[in-house]
Amino acid sequence: MPRTFTFDTLEPATRPTFYFVGVTTGGSSIRSVFPRWAEALGLGDVELVGIDLALHAPDEQYRTVVEFLKADPLSLGALVTTHKIDLYRAARDLFDEVDPLAELMDEVSSLSKRDGRFIAHAKDPISSGYALDAFLPSGYFAEQPTDVVIFGAGGSAIAIDWYLTRGARGADRPARVIVTNRSTPRLKTLRAVHEESDAGVPLETVTAPTPADNDAVLAGASARSVVINATGLGKDAPGSPLSDAVIFPESAVVWDLNYRGDLVFLDQARAAETERSLRVEDGWVYFIHGWTQVIAEVFNIEIPTSGPVFDELSAIASGTRA
């Protein structure tokens, strides 16, 4: 039976152990997927263990988890979801090394050990990019001025903004990025990263405490907009950032980063799919890229992002999906 700890029930690993730091880790598909992936990748006798923390937990809880992972010999590393920003800010001084993207994003999604050093990585900018590229045609933004609207200003939103606005994309960048959040501080963090990256794409940030506020923001977005639920609503908490009265932009691409939970945002988009000519995507491909990127880092192996090996891992994962 897969095990789940909280910050105050952690105990030393008795065999090589890989952790998943989240809110409701017991419900994730990775519980079924990881043992099959471990076998396919030849990882040996390794266990996946969840660590559940409440949203925006106290700093001391994050520090307790990081101190445990750093000190425990058989604890190999962890994937961090939902808590990427809070954990990094609470425990930044505990890492021996922080990769440049984690420094820039002010977040961490991968904790690993190498040659006695405890290392923090931000993998979201990479994994979110691979997921976007899987369903968004190359040159999509170059065809005509097109907005990106992101609900939620956490680590995933910061990563997506960075990926889509990089100068290396040339003309294939949004006309503007609009990010909403229920409170202001995380919008300020996102803007700081955006400006430090010298993106060259206009960023609009909107404090939007209610679904009606988000509806109003979406009403001003361009046709073909890429509309993203990065709030965690629908998985880590019930509901949607939008009301049922929302009108999606014509021909929009609508992406819910969630693939499990009550998925209200996804249901709202699917209800309007035909009438508004929407393309609707859930978070399944993001899930696969997110996990394989961190597994590759923690276990110091190469996992291709496409091709036969990746296709095999995707098929294994799909075979466990309800």
C-alpha atoms as a PDB file:
ATOM      1  CA  MET A   1       0.000   0.000   0.000  1.00  0.00           C
ATOM      2  CA  PRO A   2       1.569   3.349  -1.017  1.00  0.00           C
ATOM      3  CA  ARG A   3       2.529   5.410   1.995  1.00  0.00           C
ATOM      4  CA  THR A   4       1.789   9.059   2.749  1.00  0.00           C
ATOM      5  CA  PHE A   5       3.375  11.201   5.448  1.00  0.00           C
ATOM      6  CA  THR A   6       2.750  14.643   6.848  1.00  0.00           C
ATOM      7  CA  PHE A   7       5.487  16.944   8.138  1.00  0.00           C
ATOM      8  CA  ASP A   8       5.152  15.520  11.655  1.00  0.00           C
ATOM      9  CA  THR A   9       5.024  11.809  10.767  1.00  0.00           C
ATOM     10  CA  LEU A  10       8.161  11.524   8.627  1.00  0.00           C
ATOM     11  CA  GLU A  11      10.353   8.530   9.361  1.00  0.00           C
ATOM     12  CA  PRO A  12      13.725   7.404   7.976  1.00  0.00           C
ATOM     13  CA  ALA A  13      13.556   5.430   4.728  1.00  0.00           C
ATOM     14  CA  THR A  14      14.495   1.762   4.909  1.00  0.00           C
ATOM     15  CA  ARG A  15      15.070   1.449   1.154  1.00  0.00           C
ATOM     16  CA  PRO A  16      15.747   3.951  -1.648  1.00  0.00           C
ATOM     17  CA  THR A  17      12.791   6.347  -1.607  1.00  0.00           C
ATOM     18  CA  PHE A  18      11.487   9.031  -3.937  1.00  0.00           C
ATOM     19  CA  TYR A  19       8.976  11.537  -2.553  1.00  0.00           C
ATOM     20  CA  PHE A  20       6.017  13.509  -3.870  1.00  0.00           C
ATOM     21  CA  VAL A  21       5.354  16.730  -1.927  1.00  0.00           C
ATOM     22  CA  GLY A  22       1.813  17.941  -2.543  1.00  0.00           C
ATOM     23  CA  VAL A  23      -1.608  18.490  -1.008  1.00  0.00           C
ATOM     24  CA  THR A  24      -3.529  15.289  -1.755  1.00  0.00           C
ATOM     25  CA  THR A  25      -0.802  12.994  -3.061  1.00  0.00           C
ATOM     26  CA  GLY A  26      -2.811   9.838  -2.420  1.00  0.00           C
ATOM     27  CA  GLY A  27      -5.157  10.618  -5.305  1.00  0.00           C
ATOM     28  CA  SER A  28      -2.479  11.115  -7.954  1.00  0.00           C
ATOM     29  CA  SER A  29      -2.108   8.693 -10.840  1.00  0.00           C
ATOM     30  CA  ILE A  30       1.618   8.590 -10.135  1.00  0.00           C
ATOM     31  CA  ARG A  31       0.864   6.105  -7.354  1.00  0.00           C
ATOM     32  CA  SER A  32      -0.036   3.524  -9.993  1.00  0.00           C
ATOM     33  CA  VAL A  33       2.285   4.788 -12.708  1.00  0.00           C
ATOM     34  CA  PHE A  34       5.596   5.069 -10.861  1.00  0.00           C
ATOM     35  CA  PRO A  35       6.121   1.371 -10.009  1.00  0.00           C
ATOM     36  CA  ARG A  36       5.584   0.499 -13.685  1.00  0.00           C
ATOM     37  CA  TRP A  37       7.892   3.282 -14.829  1.00  0.00           C
ATOM     38  CA  ALA A  38      10.518   2.212 -12.287  1.00  0.00           C
ATOM     39  CA  GLU A  39      10.482  -1.286 -13.749  1.00  0.00           C
ATOM     40  CA  ALA A  40      10.638  -0.042 -17.345  1.00  0.00           C
ATOM     41  CA  LEU A  41      13.513   2.326 -16.522  1.00  0.00           C
ATOM     42  CA  GLY A  42      15.417  -0.199 -14.411  1.00  0.00           C
ATOM     43  CA  LEU A  43      15.410   1.937 -11.267  1.00  0.00           C
ATOM     44  CA  GLY A  44      15.601  -1.073  -8.965  1.00  0.00           C
ATOM     45  CA  ASP A  45      14.023  -1.446  -5.539  1.00  0.00           C
ATOM     46  CA  VAL A  46      12.699   2.078  -5.072  1.00  0.00           C
ATOM     47  CA  GLU A  47       9.581   3.302  -3.297  1.00  0.00           C
ATOM     48  CA  LEU A  48       7.409   6.353  -3.974  1.00  0.00           C
ATOM     49  CA  VAL A  49       6.108   8.059  -0.818  1.00  0.00           C
ATOM     50  CA  GLY A  50       3.786  11.059  -0.590  1.00  0.00           C
ATOM     51  CA  ILE A  51       4.150  14.004   1.767  1.00  0.00           C
ATOM     52  CA  ASP A  52       0.921  15.981   2.212  1.00  0.00           C
ATOM     53  CA  LEU A  53       0.994  19.599   3.375  1.00  0.00           C
ATOM     54  CA  ALA A  54      -1.838  22.091   3.575  1.00  0.00           C
ATOM     55  CA  LEU A  55      -1.914  24.903   1.026  1.00  0.00           C
ATOM     56  CA  HIS A  56       0.435  27.718   2.104  1.00  0.00           C
ATOM     57  CA  ALA A  57       1.660  25.722   5.113  1.00  0.00           C
ATOM     58  CA  PRO A  58       3.756  27.449   7.796  1.00  0.00           C
ATOM     59  CA  ASP A  59       7.427  27.915   6.960  1.00  0.00           C
ATOM     60  CA  GLU A  60       8.541  25.564   9.721  1.00  0.00           C
ATOM     61  CA  GLN A  61       6.644  22.683   8.115  1.00  0.00           C
ATOM     62  CA  TYR A  62       8.407  23.203   4.796  1.00  0.00           C
ATOM     63  CA  ARG A  63      11.746  23.414   6.568  1.00  0.00           C
ATOM     64  CA  THR A  64      11.040  20.204   8.482  1.00  0.00           C
ATOM     65  CA  VAL A  65      10.361  18.361   5.222  1.00  0.00           C
ATOM     66  CA  VAL A  66      13.438  19.734   3.458  1.00  0.00           C
ATOM     67  CA  GLU A  67      15.724  19.070   6.439  1.00  0.00           C
ATOM     68  CA  PHE A  68      14.472  15.479   6.575  1.00  0.00           C
ATOM     69  CA  LEU A  69      14.998  14.866   2.865  1.00  0.00           C
ATOM     70  CA  LYS A  70      18.464  16.392   2.979  1.00  0.00           C
ATOM     71  CA  ALA A  71      19.647  14.394   5.981  1.00  0.00           C
ATOM     72  CA  ASP A  72      18.052  10.982   5.389  1.00  0.00           C
ATOM     73  CA  PRO A  73      20.533   8.730   3.518  1.00  0.00           C
ATOM     74  CA  LEU A  74      17.978   6.637   1.607  1.00  0.00           C
ATOM     75  CA  SER A  75      15.762   9.565   0.682  1.00  0.00           C
ATOM     76  CA  LEU A  76      16.871  10.224  -2.905  1.00  0.00           C
ATOM     77  CA  GLY A  77      14.873  13.350  -3.728  1.00  0.00           C
ATOM     78  CA  ALA A  78      11.397  14.646  -4.447  1.00  0.00           C
ATOM     79  CA  LEU A  79       8.999  16.197  -6.902  1.00  0.00           C
ATOM     80  CA  VAL A  80       7.288  19.286  -5.475  1.00  0.00           C
ATOM     81  CA  THR A  81       3.874  20.359  -6.732  1.00  0.00           C
ATOM     82  CA  THR A  82       1.586  23.174  -5.498  1.00  0.00           C
ATOM     83  CA  HIS A  83       4.157  24.179  -2.839  1.00  0.00           C
ATOM     84  CA  LYS A  84       6.907  25.149  -5.303  1.00  0.00           C
ATOM     85  CA  ILE A  85       7.103  28.820  -4.301  1.00  0.00           C
ATOM     86  CA  ASP A  86       6.337  28.490  -0.580  1.00  0.00           C
ATOM     87  CA  LEU A  87       8.782  25.639  -0.006  1.00  0.00           C
ATOM     88  CA  TYR A  88      11.599  27.417  -1.830  1.00  0.00           C
ATOM     89  CA  ARG A  89      11.137  30.657   0.075  1.00  0.00           C
ATOM     90  CA  ALA A  90      10.954  28.890   3.427  1.00  0.00           C
ATOM     91  CA  ALA A  91      13.966  26.623   2.883  1.00  0.00           C
ATOM     92  CA  ARG A  92      16.214  28.353   0.332  1.00  0.00           C
ATOM     93  CA  ASP A  93      19.181  28.382   2.688  1.00  0.00           C
ATOM     94  CA  LEU A  94      19.069  24.595   3.124  1.00  0.00           C
ATOM     95  CA  PHE A  95      20.087  23.831  -0.470  1.00  0.00           C
ATOM     96  CA  ASP A  96      23.720  23.346  -1.396  1.00  0.00           C
ATOM     97  CA  GLU A  97      23.025  24.278  -4.988  1.00  0.00           C
ATOM     98  CA  VAL A  98      20.186  26.043  -6.801  1.00  0.00           C
ATOM     99  CA  ASP A  99      19.892  25.891 -10.567  1.00  0.00           C
ATOM    100  CA  PRO A 100      19.580  29.163 -12.539  1.00  0.00           C
ATOM    101  CA  LEU A 101      15.910  28.652 -13.400  1.00  0.00           C
ATOM    102  CA  ALA A 102      15.031  28.083  -9.744  1.00  0.00           C
ATOM    103  CA  GLU A 103      16.878  31.308  -8.894  1.00  0.00           C
ATOM    104  CA  LEU A 104      15.016  33.182 -11.608  1.00  0.00           C
ATOM    105  CA  MET A 105      11.579  31.660 -10.924  1.00  0.00           C
ATOM    106  CA  ASP A 106      11.958  31.859  -7.134  1.00  0.00           C
ATOM    107  CA  GLU A 107      10.556  28.312  -6.912  1.00  0.00           C
ATOM    108  CA  VAL A 108      11.583  24.668  -6.818  1.00  0.00           C
ATOM    109  CA  SER A 109       9.914  21.587  -8.301  1.00  0.00           C
ATOM    110  CA  SER A 110      12.742  19.025  -8.090  1.00  0.00           C
ATOM    111  CA  LEU A 111      14.909  18.121  -5.103  1.00  0.00           C
ATOM    112  CA  SER A 112      17.842  15.813  -5.794  1.00  0.00           C
ATOM    113  CA  LYS A 113      21.225  14.718  -4.473  1.00  0.00           C
ATOM    114  CA  ARG A 114      24.481  14.527  -6.397  1.00  0.00           C
ATOM    115  CA  ASP A 115      27.944  13.855  -4.976  1.00  0.00           C
ATOM    116  CA  GLY A 116      26.790  14.721  -1.462  1.00  0.00           C
ATOM    117  CA  ARG A 117      25.131  17.977  -2.502  1.00  0.00           C
ATOM    118  CA  PHE A 118      21.436  18.717  -2.056  1.00  0.00           C
ATOM    119  CA  ILE A 119      20.169  20.467  -5.184  1.00  0.00           C
ATOM    120  CA  ALA A 120      17.053  22.479  -6.062  1.00  0.00           C
ATOM    121  CA  HIS A 121      15.830  22.638  -9.655  1.00  0.00           C
ATOM    122  CA  ALA A 122      12.908  24.407 -11.322  1.00  0.00           C
ATOM    123  CA  LYS A 123      11.680  21.924 -13.934  1.00  0.00           C
ATOM    124  CA  ASP A 124       8.308  23.541 -14.663  1.00  0.00           C
ATOM    125  CA  PRO A 125       9.623  25.909 -17.344  1.00  0.00           C
ATOM    126  CA  ILE A 126      10.846  22.861 -19.248  1.00  0.00           C
ATOM    127  CA  SER A 127       7.968  20.454 -18.616  1.00  0.00           C
ATOM    128  CA  SER A 128       5.264  23.069 -19.252  1.00  0.00           C
ATOM    129  CA  GLY A 129       6.986  23.929 -22.505  1.00  0.00           C
ATOM    130  CA  TYR A 130       7.032  20.330 -23.671  1.00  0.00           C
ATOM    131  CA  ALA A 131       3.355  20.002 -22.773  1.00  0.00           C
ATOM    132  CA  LEU A 132       2.426  23.178 -24.665  1.00  0.00           C
ATOM    133  CA  ASP A 133       4.405  22.082 -27.698  1.00  0.00           C
ATOM    134  CA  ALA A 134       2.497  18.787 -27.712  1.00  0.00           C
ATOM    135  CA  PHE A 135      -0.806  20.488 -28.574  1.00  0.00           C
ATOM    136  CA  LEU A 136       0.004  24.032 -29.712  1.00  0.00           C
ATOM    137  CA  PRO A 137       1.146  24.171 -33.360  1.00  0.00           C
ATOM    138  CA  SER A 138       4.529  25.699 -34.071  1.00  0.00           C
ATOM    139  CA  GLY A 139       4.067  29.307 -35.202  1.00  0.00           C
ATOM    140  CA  TYR A 140       0.658  29.594 -33.525  1.00  0.00           C
ATOM    141  CA  PHE A 141       1.278  33.096 -32.157  1.00  0.00           C
ATOM    142  CA  ALA A 142       3.039  34.287 -35.309  1.00  0.00           C
ATOM    143  CA  GLU A 143      -0.092  33.761 -37.398  1.00  0.00           C
ATOM    144  CA  GLN A 144      -1.987  36.690 -35.854  1.00  0.00           C
ATOM    145  CA  PRO A 145      -1.937  38.715 -32.601  1.00  0.00           C
ATOM    146  CA  THR A 146      -3.078  36.302 -29.899  1.00  0.00           C
ATOM    147  CA  ASP A 147      -3.317  36.603 -26.115  1.00  0.00           C
ATOM    148  CA  VAL A 148      -2.446  34.186 -23.349  1.00  0.00           C
ATOM    149  CA  VAL A 149      -4.726  34.376 -20.305  1.00  0.00           C
ATOM    150  CA  ILE A 150      -3.560  32.561 -17.174  1.00  0.00           C
ATOM    151  CA  PHE A 151      -5.706  32.218 -14.064  1.00  0.00           C
ATOM    152  CA  GLY A 152      -3.433  31.832 -11.042  1.00  0.00           C
ATOM    153  CA  ALA A 153       0.026  33.328 -10.499  1.00  0.00           C
ATOM    154  CA  GLY A 154       1.874  30.434  -8.876  1.00  0.00           C
ATOM    155  CA  GLY A 155       4.927  28.575 -10.103  1.00  0.00           C
ATOM    156  CA  SER A 156       3.259  27.033 -13.149  1.00  0.00           C
ATOM    157  CA  ALA A 157       2.059  30.436 -14.364  1.00  0.00           C
ATOM    158  CA  ILE A 158       5.527  31.922 -13.960  1.00  0.00           C
ATOM    159  CA  ALA A 159       7.029  29.015 -15.887  1.00  0.00           C
ATOM    160  CA  ILE A 160       4.509  29.235 -18.738  1.00  0.00           C
ATOM    161  CA  ASP A 161       4.966  33.002 -19.052  1.00  0.00           C
ATOM    162  CA  TRP A 162       8.738  32.541 -19.236  1.00  0.00           C
ATOM    163  CA  TYR A 163       8.523  29.775 -21.810  1.00  0.00           C
ATOM    164  CA  LEU A 164       6.131  31.557 -24.172  1.00  0.00           C
ATOM    165  CA  THR A 165       7.763  35.001 -24.017  1.00  0.00           C
ATOM    166  CA  ARG A 166      11.428  34.066 -24.442  1.00  0.00           C
ATOM    167  CA  GLY A 167      13.209  36.058 -27.143  1.00  0.00           C
ATOM    168  CA  ALA A 168      14.387  32.786 -28.704  1.00  0.00           C
ATOM    169  CA  ARG A 169      10.808  32.213 -29.924  1.00  0.00           C
ATOM    170  CA  GLY A 170      11.074  35.199 -32.250  1.00  0.00           C
ATOM    171  CA  ALA A 171       7.693  36.096 -33.738  1.00  0.00           C
ATOM    172  CA  ASP A 172       6.036  33.037 -32.204  1.00  0.00           C
ATOM    173  CA  ARG A 173       5.161  34.863 -29.005  1.00  0.00           C
ATOM    174  CA  PRO A 174       1.858  36.135 -27.571  1.00  0.00           C
ATOM    175  CA  ALA A 175       0.673  39.653 -28.295  1.00  0.00           C
ATOM    176  CA  ARG A 176       0.288  39.973 -24.524  1.00  0.00           C
ATOM    177  CA  VAL A 177       0.097  37.794 -21.427  1.00  0.00           C
ATOM    178  CA  ILE A 178      -2.691  38.459 -18.924  1.00  0.00           C
ATOM    179  CA  VAL A 179      -2.408  36.846 -15.496  1.00  0.00           C
ATOM    180  CA  THR A 180      -5.023  37.043 -12.754  1.00  0.00           C
ATOM    181  CA  ASN A 181      -4.824  36.018  -9.118  1.00  0.00           C
ATOM    182  CA  ARG A 182      -7.063  36.358  -6.081  1.00  0.00           C
ATOM    183  CA  SER A 183      -4.385  38.285  -4.192  1.00  0.00           C
ATOM    184  CA  THR A 184      -1.670  40.693  -5.273  1.00  0.00           C
ATOM    185  CA  PRO A 185       1.693  39.454  -3.853  1.00  0.00           C
ATOM    186  CA  ARG A 186       2.153  36.560  -6.283  1.00  0.00           C
ATOM    187  CA  LEU A 187       1.300  38.809  -9.202  1.00  0.00           C
ATOM    188  CA  LYS A 188       4.194  41.015  -8.109  1.00  0.00           C
ATOM    189  CA  THR A 189       6.501  38.007  -8.025  1.00  0.00           C
ATOM    190  CA  LEU A 190       5.432  36.959 -11.507  1.00  0.00           C
ATOM    191  CA  ARG A 191       5.959  40.461 -12.840  1.00  0.00           C
ATOM    192  CA  ALA A 192       9.434  40.610 -11.306  1.00  0.00           C
ATOM    193  CA  VAL A 193      10.426  37.384 -13.073  1.00  0.00           C
ATOM    194  CA  HIS A 194       8.864  38.593 -16.336  1.00  0.00           C
ATOM    195  CA  GLU A 195      10.794  41.852 -16.199  1.00  0.00           C
ATOM    196  CA  GLU A 196      14.057  40.193 -15.164  1.00  0.00           C
ATOM    197  CA  SER A 197      13.706  37.882 -18.163  1.00  0.00           C
ATOM    198  CA  ASP A 198      13.459  40.918 -20.464  1.00  0.00           C
ATOM    199  CA  ALA A 199      10.623  39.171 -22.263  1.00  0.00           C
ATOM    200  CA  GLY A 200       9.625  41.940 -24.666  1.00  0.00           C
ATOM    201  CA  VAL A 201       5.973  40.872 -24.457  1.00  0.00           C
ATOM    202  CA  PRO A 202       3.449  43.076 -22.616  1.00  0.00           C
ATOM    203  CA  LEU A 203       2.288  41.623 -19.291  1.00  0.00           C
ATOM    204  CA  GLU A 204      -0.982  42.609 -17.638  1.00  0.00           C
ATOM    205  CA  THR A 205      -1.647  41.479 -14.081  1.00  0.00           C
ATOM    206  CA  VAL A 206      -5.124  41.670 -12.561  1.00  0.00           C
ATOM    207  CA  THR A 207      -6.203  41.090  -8.975  1.00  0.00           C
ATOM    208  CA  ALA A 208      -9.376  39.067  -9.452  1.00  0.00           C
ATOM    209  CA  PRO A 209     -10.873  37.748  -6.206  1.00  0.00           C
ATOM    210  CA  THR A 210     -14.074  36.338  -7.740  1.00  0.00           C
ATOM    211  CA  PRO A 211     -15.021  34.192 -10.750  1.00  0.00           C
ATOM    212  CA  ALA A 212     -16.964  37.150 -12.135  1.00  0.00           C
ATOM    213  CA  ASP A 213     -13.736  39.173 -12.150  1.00  0.00           C
ATOM    214  CA  ASN A 214     -12.032  36.456 -14.198  1.00  0.00           C
ATOM    215  CA  ASP A 215     -15.019  36.277 -16.556  1.00  0.00           C
ATOM    216  CA  ALA A 216     -14.600  39.998 -17.215  1.00  0.00           C
ATOM    217  CA  VAL A 217     -10.888  39.607 -17.957  1.00  0.00           C
ATOM    218  CA  LEU A 218     -11.581  36.794 -20.413  1.00  0.00           C
ATOM    219  CA  ALA A 219     -14.242  38.892 -22.154  1.00  0.00           C
ATOM    220  CA  GLY A 220     -11.491  41.271 -23.287  1.00  0.00           C
ATOM    221  CA  ALA A 221      -9.153  38.586 -24.637  1.00  0.00           C
ATOM    222  CA  SER A 222      -8.466  38.030 -28.324  1.00  0.00           C
ATOM    223  CA  ALA A 223      -9.915  35.294 -30.476  1.00  0.00           C
ATOM    224  CA  ARG A 224      -7.675  32.194 -30.500  1.00  0.00           C
ATOM    225  CA  SER A 225      -6.435  33.049 -26.996  1.00  0.00           C
ATOM    226  CA  VAL A 226      -4.660  30.358 -25.017  1.00  0.00           C
ATOM    227  CA  VAL A 227      -6.646  30.217 -21.763  1.00  0.00           C
ATOM    228  CA  ILE A 228      -5.058  28.372 -18.838  1.00  0.00           C
ATOM    229  CA  ASN A 229      -6.308  27.300 -15.420  1.00  0.00           C
ATOM    230  CA  ALA A 230      -3.188  27.367 -13.246  1.00  0.00           C
ATOM    231  CA  THR A 231      -5.038  28.004  -9.978  1.00  0.00           C
ATOM    232  CA  GLY A 232      -5.207  24.451  -8.642  1.00  0.00           C
ATOM    233  CA  LEU A 233      -8.978  24.848  -8.397  1.00  0.00           C
ATOM    234  CA  GLY A 234     -10.514  21.590  -9.497  1.00  0.00           C
ATOM    235  CA  LYS A 235      -7.742  19.522  -7.860  1.00  0.00           C
ATOM    236  CA  ASP A 236      -6.239  21.023  -4.713  1.00  0.00           C
ATOM    237  CA  ALA A 237      -9.497  22.818  -3.918  1.00  0.00           C
ATOM    238  CA  PRO A 238     -12.979  22.490  -5.438  1.00  0.00           C
ATOM    239  CA  GLY A 239     -14.373  24.786  -8.080  1.00  0.00           C
ATOM    240  CA  SER A 240     -13.167  26.880 -11.010  1.00  0.00           C
ATOM    241  CA  PRO A 241     -11.698  30.354 -11.445  1.00  0.00           C
ATOM    242  CA  LEU A 242     -14.611  31.074 -13.821  1.00  0.00           C
ATOM    243  CA  SER A 243     -18.374  31.257 -13.334  1.00  0.00           C
ATOM    244  CA  ASP A 244     -20.819  29.191 -15.367  1.00  0.00           C
ATOM    245  CA  ALA A 245     -21.790  32.406 -17.153  1.00  0.00           C
ATOM    246  CA  VAL A 246     -18.340  32.786 -18.729  1.00  0.00           C
ATOM    247  CA  ILE A 247     -18.014  33.321 -22.483  1.00  0.00           C
ATOM    248  CA  PHE A 248     -14.776  31.906 -23.896  1.00  0.00           C
ATOM    249  CA  PRO A 249     -13.027  33.687 -26.780  1.00  0.00           C
ATOM    250  CA  GLU A 250     -13.897  32.304 -30.200  1.00  0.00           C
ATOM    251  CA  SER A 251     -11.526  29.510 -31.327  1.00  0.00           C
ATOM    252  CA  ALA A 252      -9.587  29.592 -28.047  1.00  0.00           C
ATOM    253  CA  VAL A 253      -7.246  26.868 -26.848  1.00  0.00           C
ATOM    254  CA  VAL A 254      -8.338  26.066 -23.281  1.00  0.00           C
ATOM    255  CA  TRP A 255      -5.877  24.216 -21.040  1.00  0.00           C
ATOM    256  CA  ASP A 256      -6.593  22.961 -17.534  1.00  0.00           C
ATOM    257  CA  LEU A 257      -3.330  22.017 -15.821  1.00  0.00           C
ATOM    258  CA  ASN A 258      -5.336  19.515 -13.758  1.00  0.00           C
ATOM    259  CA  TYR A 259      -6.197  16.034 -14.932  1.00  0.00           C
ATOM    260  CA  ARG A 260      -7.903  14.796 -11.743  1.00  0.00           C
ATOM    261  CA  GLY A 261     -10.365  16.266  -9.258  1.00  0.00           C
ATOM    262  CA  ASP A 262     -13.771  17.792  -9.887  1.00  0.00           C
ATOM    263  CA  LEU A 263     -12.390  19.570 -13.010  1.00  0.00           C
ATOM    264  CA  VAL A 264     -15.122  22.223 -13.152  1.00  0.00           C
ATOM    265  CA  PHE A 265     -13.035  24.492 -15.411  1.00  0.00           C
ATOM    266  CA  LEU A 266     -12.603  21.639 -17.883  1.00  0.00           C
ATOM    267  CA  ASP A 267     -16.333  20.934 -17.811  1.00  0.00           C
ATOM    268  CA  GLN A 268     -17.104  24.611 -18.469  1.00  0.00           C
ATOM    269  CA  ALA A 269     -14.815  24.622 -21.494  1.00  0.00           C
ATOM    270  CA  ARG A 270     -16.205  21.369 -22.867  1.00  0.00           C
ATOM    271  CA  ALA A 271     -19.759  22.688 -22.533  1.00  0.00           C
ATOM    272  CA  ALA A 272     -18.806  25.567 -24.844  1.00  0.00           C
ATOM    273  CA  GLU A 273     -16.477  23.552 -27.083  1.00  0.00           C
ATOM    274  CA  THR A 274     -18.735  23.325 -30.133  1.00  0.00           C
ATOM    275  CA  GLU A 275     -20.461  26.695 -29.873  1.00  0.00           C
ATOM    276  CA  ARG A 276     -17.202  28.633 -29.428  1.00  0.00           C
ATOM    277  CA  SER A 277     -14.982  26.341 -31.587  1.00  0.00           C
ATOM    278  CA  LEU A 278     -12.659  25.631 -28.679  1.00  0.00           C
ATOM    279  CA  ARG A 279      -9.765  23.219 -28.414  1.00  0.00           C
ATOM    280  CA  VAL A 280      -9.821  21.789 -24.886  1.00  0.00           C
ATOM    281  CA  GLU A 281      -6.843  20.092 -23.205  1.00  0.00           C
ATOM    282  CA  ASP A 282      -6.422  18.628 -19.737  1.00  0.00           C
ATOM    283  CA  GLY A 283      -3.196  18.264 -17.746  1.00  0.00           C
ATOM    284  CA  TRP A 284      -2.316  14.669 -18.606  1.00  0.00           C
ATOM    285  CA  VAL A 285       0.612  15.365 -20.959  1.00  0.00           C
ATOM    286  CA  TYR A 286       1.858  17.984 -18.473  1.00  0.00           C
ATOM    287  CA  PHE A 287       1.706  15.303 -15.775  1.00  0.00           C
ATOM    288  CA  ILE A 288       3.872  12.952 -17.849  1.00  0.00           C
ATOM    289  CA  HIS A 289       6.496  15.549 -18.761  1.00  0.00           C
ATOM    290  CA  GLY A 290       6.562  16.964 -15.237  1.00  0.00           C
ATOM    291  CA  TRP A 291       7.231  13.600 -13.655  1.00  0.00           C
ATOM    292  CA  THR A 292       9.696  12.284 -16.226  1.00  0.00           C
ATOM    293  CA  GLN A 293      11.779  15.466 -16.015  1.00  0.00           C
ATOM    294  CA  VAL A 294      12.120  15.140 -12.236  1.00  0.00           C
ATOM    295  CA  ILE A 295      12.682  11.372 -12.299  1.00  0.00           C
ATOM    296  CA  ALA A 296      15.506  11.886 -14.786  1.00  0.00           C
ATOM    297  CA  GLU A 297      17.101  14.438 -12.454  1.00  0.00           C
ATOM    298  CA  VAL A 298      16.684  12.506  -9.208  1.00  0.00           C
ATOM    299  CA  PHE A 299      17.887   9.189 -10.632  1.00  0.00           C
ATOM    300  CA  ASN A 300      20.553  10.779 -12.868  1.00  0.00           C
ATOM    301  CA  ILE A 301      19.311   9.099 -16.040  1.00  0.00           C
ATOM    302  CA  GLU A 302      18.355  10.244 -19.520  1.00  0.00           C
ATOM    303  CA  ILE A 303      14.647  10.145 -20.413  1.00  0.00           C
ATOM    304  CA  PRO A 304      13.915  11.359 -23.956  1.00  0.00           C
ATOM    305  CA  THR A 305      11.080  13.859 -24.394  1.00  0.00           C
ATOM    306  CA  SER A 306       9.874  12.127 -27.553  1.00  0.00           C
ATOM    307  CA  GLY A 307      10.470   8.923 -29.467  1.00  0.00           C
ATOM    308  CA  PRO A 308      10.094   5.221 -28.580  1.00  0.00           C
ATOM    309  CA  VAL A 309      11.124   5.398 -24.911  1.00  0.00           C
ATOM    310  CA  PHE A 310       8.885   8.363 -24.180  1.00  0.00           C
ATOM    311  CA  ASP A 311       6.031   6.756 -26.104  1.00  0.00           C
ATOM    312  CA  GLU A 312       6.453   3.579 -24.042  1.00  0.00           C
ATOM    313  CA  LEU A 313       6.324   5.560 -20.783  1.00  0.00           C
ATOM    314  CA  SER A 314       3.246   7.444 -22.018  1.00  0.00           C
ATOM    315  CA  ALA A 315       1.532   4.165 -22.904  1.00  0.00           C
ATOM    316  CA  ILE A 316       2.352   2.717 -19.492  1.00  0.00           C
ATOM    317  CA  ALA A 317       0.860   5.784 -17.811  1.00  0.00           C
ATOM    318  CA  SER A 318      -2.242   5.782 -20.008  1.00  0.00           C
ATOM    319  CA  GLY A 319      -2.839   2.156 -19.136  1.00  0.00           C
ATOM    320  CA  THR A 320      -3.379   3.116 -15.476  1.00  0.00           C
ATOM    321  CA  ARG A 321      -5.675   6.062 -16.182  1.00  0.00           C
ATOM    322  CA  ALA A 322      -9.278   5.684 -15.081  1.00  0.00           C
END
